[in-house]
Amino acid sequence: MPQASSSGERDRDAAGRARNARPRDALGRPLPYGSPDVARQPQAIPRTPDETIDEAQRLLDAGLPFHAHEVFEDAWKSSTGRQRAMWKGMAQLAVGLTHLGRGNLRGARTLLARGRDAITPFAGESPFGVDIAGVIGWSAGLTAELERSPSADVIPWAAPHLRTRS
């Protein structure tokens, strides 16, 4: 866990890498030292694709898209080949929701579109059981809602269903 510096230097983890040790809120925003913290997802956790999808779904359902993004980012950064683009797109969709929760509608629209574009090549497939067509439809619907309400402070959103529902 990163340690806060009292000397004004950057926070560093045990290996000496710069890591912000400030507590975070549910949307990943830094809070003042000493504030209640919403625990972050541990980084670089090796997960199977099924574990990644299940954990991300749990976090999205709990209203923690920033944390889901971190789970997808681990999959993206540890994968190779064609699936790497899918995981990156899924991470971008979660970041879009994070922007939405923070009230950054422009950023939300941009990242939802970028994520949707990244997973669109997989539309005829269901890699690792992900309902790509369903996620694309969810993203397009949410983006359309954002276009209809460009000045709203809060746009409620429902988590996407990452797997096809039986």
Protein backbone atom coordinates (compact mmCIF):
# COMPACT_ATOMS: atom_id res chain seq x y z
CA MET A 1 0.00 0.00 0.00
CA PRO A 2 1.38 3.44 -0.86
CA GLN A 3 2.62 5.52 2.01
CA ALA A 4 1.74 9.20 2.39
CA SER A 5 4.68 11.51 2.57
CA SER A 6 4.80 14.16 5.28
CA SER A 7 7.75 15.94 3.66
CA GLY A 8 5.84 17.08 0.58
CA GLU A 9 7.51 14.49 -1.64
CA ARG A 10 5.47 12.18 -3.84
CA ASP A 11 3.79 9.18 -2.26
CA ARG A 12 5.64 5.96 -3.09
CA ASP A 13 4.80 2.28 -2.84
CA ALA A 14 7.05 -0.33 -1.24
CA ALA A 15 9.03 -0.68 -4.49
CA GLY A 16 9.64 3.08 -4.65
CA ARG A 17 7.22 3.75 -7.53
CA ALA A 18 5.19 6.94 -7.35
CA ARG A 19 1.68 6.04 -6.17
CA ASN A 20 -0.88 8.49 -4.87
CA ALA A 21 -1.79 7.34 -1.36
CA ARG A 22 -4.67 9.76 -0.92
CA PRO A 23 -8.00 8.13 -0.15
CA ARG A 24 -10.48 7.92 -3.04
CA ASP A 25 -14.22 8.20 -3.34
CA ALA A 26 -16.43 5.65 -5.11
CA LEU A 27 -15.65 7.25 -8.47
CA GLY A 28 -11.89 7.23 -7.96
CA ARG A 29 -11.55 10.93 -7.16
CA PRO A 30 -8.77 11.76 -4.69
CA LEU A 31 -9.90 12.99 -1.29
CA PRO A 32 -7.92 14.79 1.41
CA TYR A 33 -5.61 12.61 3.51
CA GLY A 34 -7.51 11.18 6.46
CA SER A 35 -10.87 11.02 4.65
CA PRO A 36 -12.84 7.76 4.55
CA ASP A 37 -11.55 5.69 1.65
CA VAL A 38 -13.38 3.47 -0.81
CA ALA A 39 -10.88 0.66 -1.16
CA ARG A 40 -9.32 0.48 -4.60
CA GLN A 41 -8.98 -2.69 -6.62
CA PRO A 42 -5.55 -4.21 -6.17
CA GLN A 43 -3.49 -3.68 -9.30
CA ALA A 44 -2.01 -6.32 -11.60
CA ILE A 45 -4.09 -9.16 -10.20
CA PRO A 46 -3.98 -12.15 -12.52
CA ARG A 47 -7.56 -13.22 -13.24
CA THR A 48 -9.04 -15.62 -15.71
CA PRO A 49 -11.34 -14.03 -18.28
CA ASP A 50 -14.34 -15.44 -16.34
CA GLU A 51 -13.05 -13.95 -13.09
CA THR A 52 -12.50 -10.61 -14.82
CA ILE A 53 -16.03 -10.51 -16.20
CA ASP A 54 -17.61 -11.65 -12.94
CA GLU A 55 -15.67 -9.13 -10.83
CA ALA A 56 -16.32 -6.28 -13.26
CA GLN A 57 -20.04 -7.12 -13.32
CA ARG A 58 -20.15 -7.15 -9.52
CA LEU A 59 -18.48 -3.74 -9.39
CA LEU A 60 -20.68 -2.23 -12.10
CA ASP A 61 -23.79 -3.55 -10.35
CA ALA A 62 -22.53 -1.92 -7.12
CA GLY A 63 -22.15 1.45 -8.89
CA LEU A 64 -18.34 1.32 -8.91
CA PRO A 65 -17.38 1.83 -12.56
CA PHE A 66 -13.96 3.24 -11.70
CA HIS A 67 -13.14 -0.01 -9.92
CA ALA A 68 -14.54 -2.09 -12.80
CA HIS A 69 -12.29 -0.13 -15.15
CA GLU A 70 -9.28 -1.19 -13.06
CA VAL A 71 -10.30 -4.85 -13.37
CA PHE A 72 -10.70 -4.54 -17.15
CA GLU A 73 -7.42 -2.63 -17.33
CA ASP A 74 -5.60 -5.54 -15.67
CA ALA A 75 -7.02 -7.88 -18.33
CA TRP A 76 -6.12 -5.44 -21.11
CA LYS A 77 -2.55 -4.91 -19.95
CA SER A 78 -1.88 -8.59 -19.34
CA SER A 79 -3.42 -9.87 -22.58
CA THR A 80 -1.95 -10.26 -26.02
CA GLY A 81 -3.37 -10.71 -29.46
CA ARG A 82 -6.79 -9.73 -30.68
CA GLN A 83 -8.57 -9.90 -27.30
CA ARG A 84 -6.40 -7.07 -25.99
CA ALA A 85 -8.54 -4.60 -27.97
CA MET A 86 -11.74 -6.03 -26.46
CA TRP A 87 -10.49 -5.63 -22.88
CA LYS A 88 -9.31 -2.09 -23.63
CA GLY A 89 -12.74 -1.24 -25.04
CA MET A 90 -14.46 -2.68 -21.97
CA ALA A 91 -12.18 -0.56 -19.76
CA GLN A 92 -13.07 2.52 -21.81
CA LEU A 93 -16.78 1.84 -21.34
CA ALA A 94 -16.26 1.69 -17.58
CA VAL A 95 -14.29 4.96 -17.71
CA GLY A 96 -17.22 6.46 -19.64
CA LEU A 97 -19.48 5.55 -16.72
CA THR A 98 -16.94 7.03 -14.32
CA HIS A 99 -17.05 10.32 -16.23
CA LEU A 100 -20.83 10.19 -16.20
CA GLY A 101 -20.86 9.71 -12.44
CA ARG A 102 -18.51 12.66 -12.04
CA GLY A 103 -20.81 14.87 -14.13
CA ASN A 104 -18.44 15.06 -17.11
CA LEU A 105 -21.00 14.38 -19.83
CA ARG A 106 -18.65 15.20 -22.70
CA GLY A 107 -16.03 12.77 -21.36
CA ALA A 108 -18.75 10.16 -20.83
CA ARG A 109 -19.95 10.44 -24.42
CA THR A 110 -16.39 10.30 -25.75
CA LEU A 111 -15.33 7.24 -23.75
CA LEU A 112 -18.60 5.37 -24.29
CA ALA A 113 -18.20 5.87 -28.05
CA ARG A 114 -14.50 4.95 -27.98
CA GLY A 115 -15.19 1.78 -26.00
CA ARG A 116 -18.11 0.84 -28.24
CA ASP A 117 -15.93 1.34 -31.33
CA ALA A 118 -13.21 -0.86 -29.81
CA ILE A 119 -15.55 -3.80 -29.14
CA THR A 120 -17.59 -3.50 -32.35
CA PRO A 121 -15.24 -5.82 -34.30
CA PHE A 122 -16.32 -8.56 -31.86
CA ALA A 123 -20.06 -7.98 -32.46
CA GLY A 124 -20.63 -11.33 -34.17
CA GLU A 125 -18.82 -13.15 -31.40
CA SER A 126 -19.12 -13.69 -27.69
CA PRO A 127 -15.50 -13.81 -26.47
CA PHE A 128 -15.32 -15.34 -23.00
CA GLY A 129 -19.13 -15.26 -22.88
CA VAL A 130 -19.35 -11.47 -23.12
CA ASP A 131 -22.57 -10.34 -24.79
CA ILE A 132 -20.80 -7.92 -27.13
CA ALA A 133 -23.96 -7.06 -29.09
CA GLY A 134 -25.83 -6.40 -25.85
CA VAL A 135 -23.04 -4.21 -24.47
CA ILE A 136 -22.90 -2.27 -27.75
CA GLY A 137 -26.67 -1.73 -27.59
CA TRP A 138 -26.45 -0.64 -23.95
CA SER A 139 -23.68 1.85 -24.77
CA ALA A 140 -25.52 3.24 -27.80
CA GLY A 141 -28.69 3.69 -25.74
CA LEU A 142 -26.87 5.46 -22.94
CA THR A 143 -25.01 7.70 -25.40
CA ALA A 144 -28.33 8.59 -27.06
CA GLU A 145 -29.72 9.53 -23.64
CA LEU A 146 -26.71 11.76 -23.03
CA GLU A 147 -27.30 13.45 -26.39
CA ARG A 148 -30.93 14.12 -25.44
CA SER A 149 -29.92 15.60 -22.07
CA PRO A 150 -26.68 17.50 -22.77
CA SER A 151 -26.96 19.79 -19.76
CA ALA A 152 -28.32 17.47 -17.09
CA ASP A 153 -26.31 17.31 -13.89
CA VAL A 154 -27.10 13.66 -13.27
CA ILE A 155 -28.03 10.99 -15.77
CA PRO A 156 -29.01 7.75 -14.04
CA TRP A 157 -27.53 4.65 -15.59
CA ALA A 158 -28.04 0.95 -15.25
CA ALA A 159 -25.08 -1.37 -15.38
CA PRO A 160 -24.69 -3.30 -18.60
CA HIS A 161 -25.23 -7.04 -18.52
CA LEU A 162 -21.86 -8.35 -19.57
CA ARG A 163 -23.06 -11.87 -20.24
CA THR A 164 -26.11 -13.01 -22.14
CA ARG A 165 -28.99 -13.57 -19.73
CA SER A 166 -30.66 -16.95 -19.95
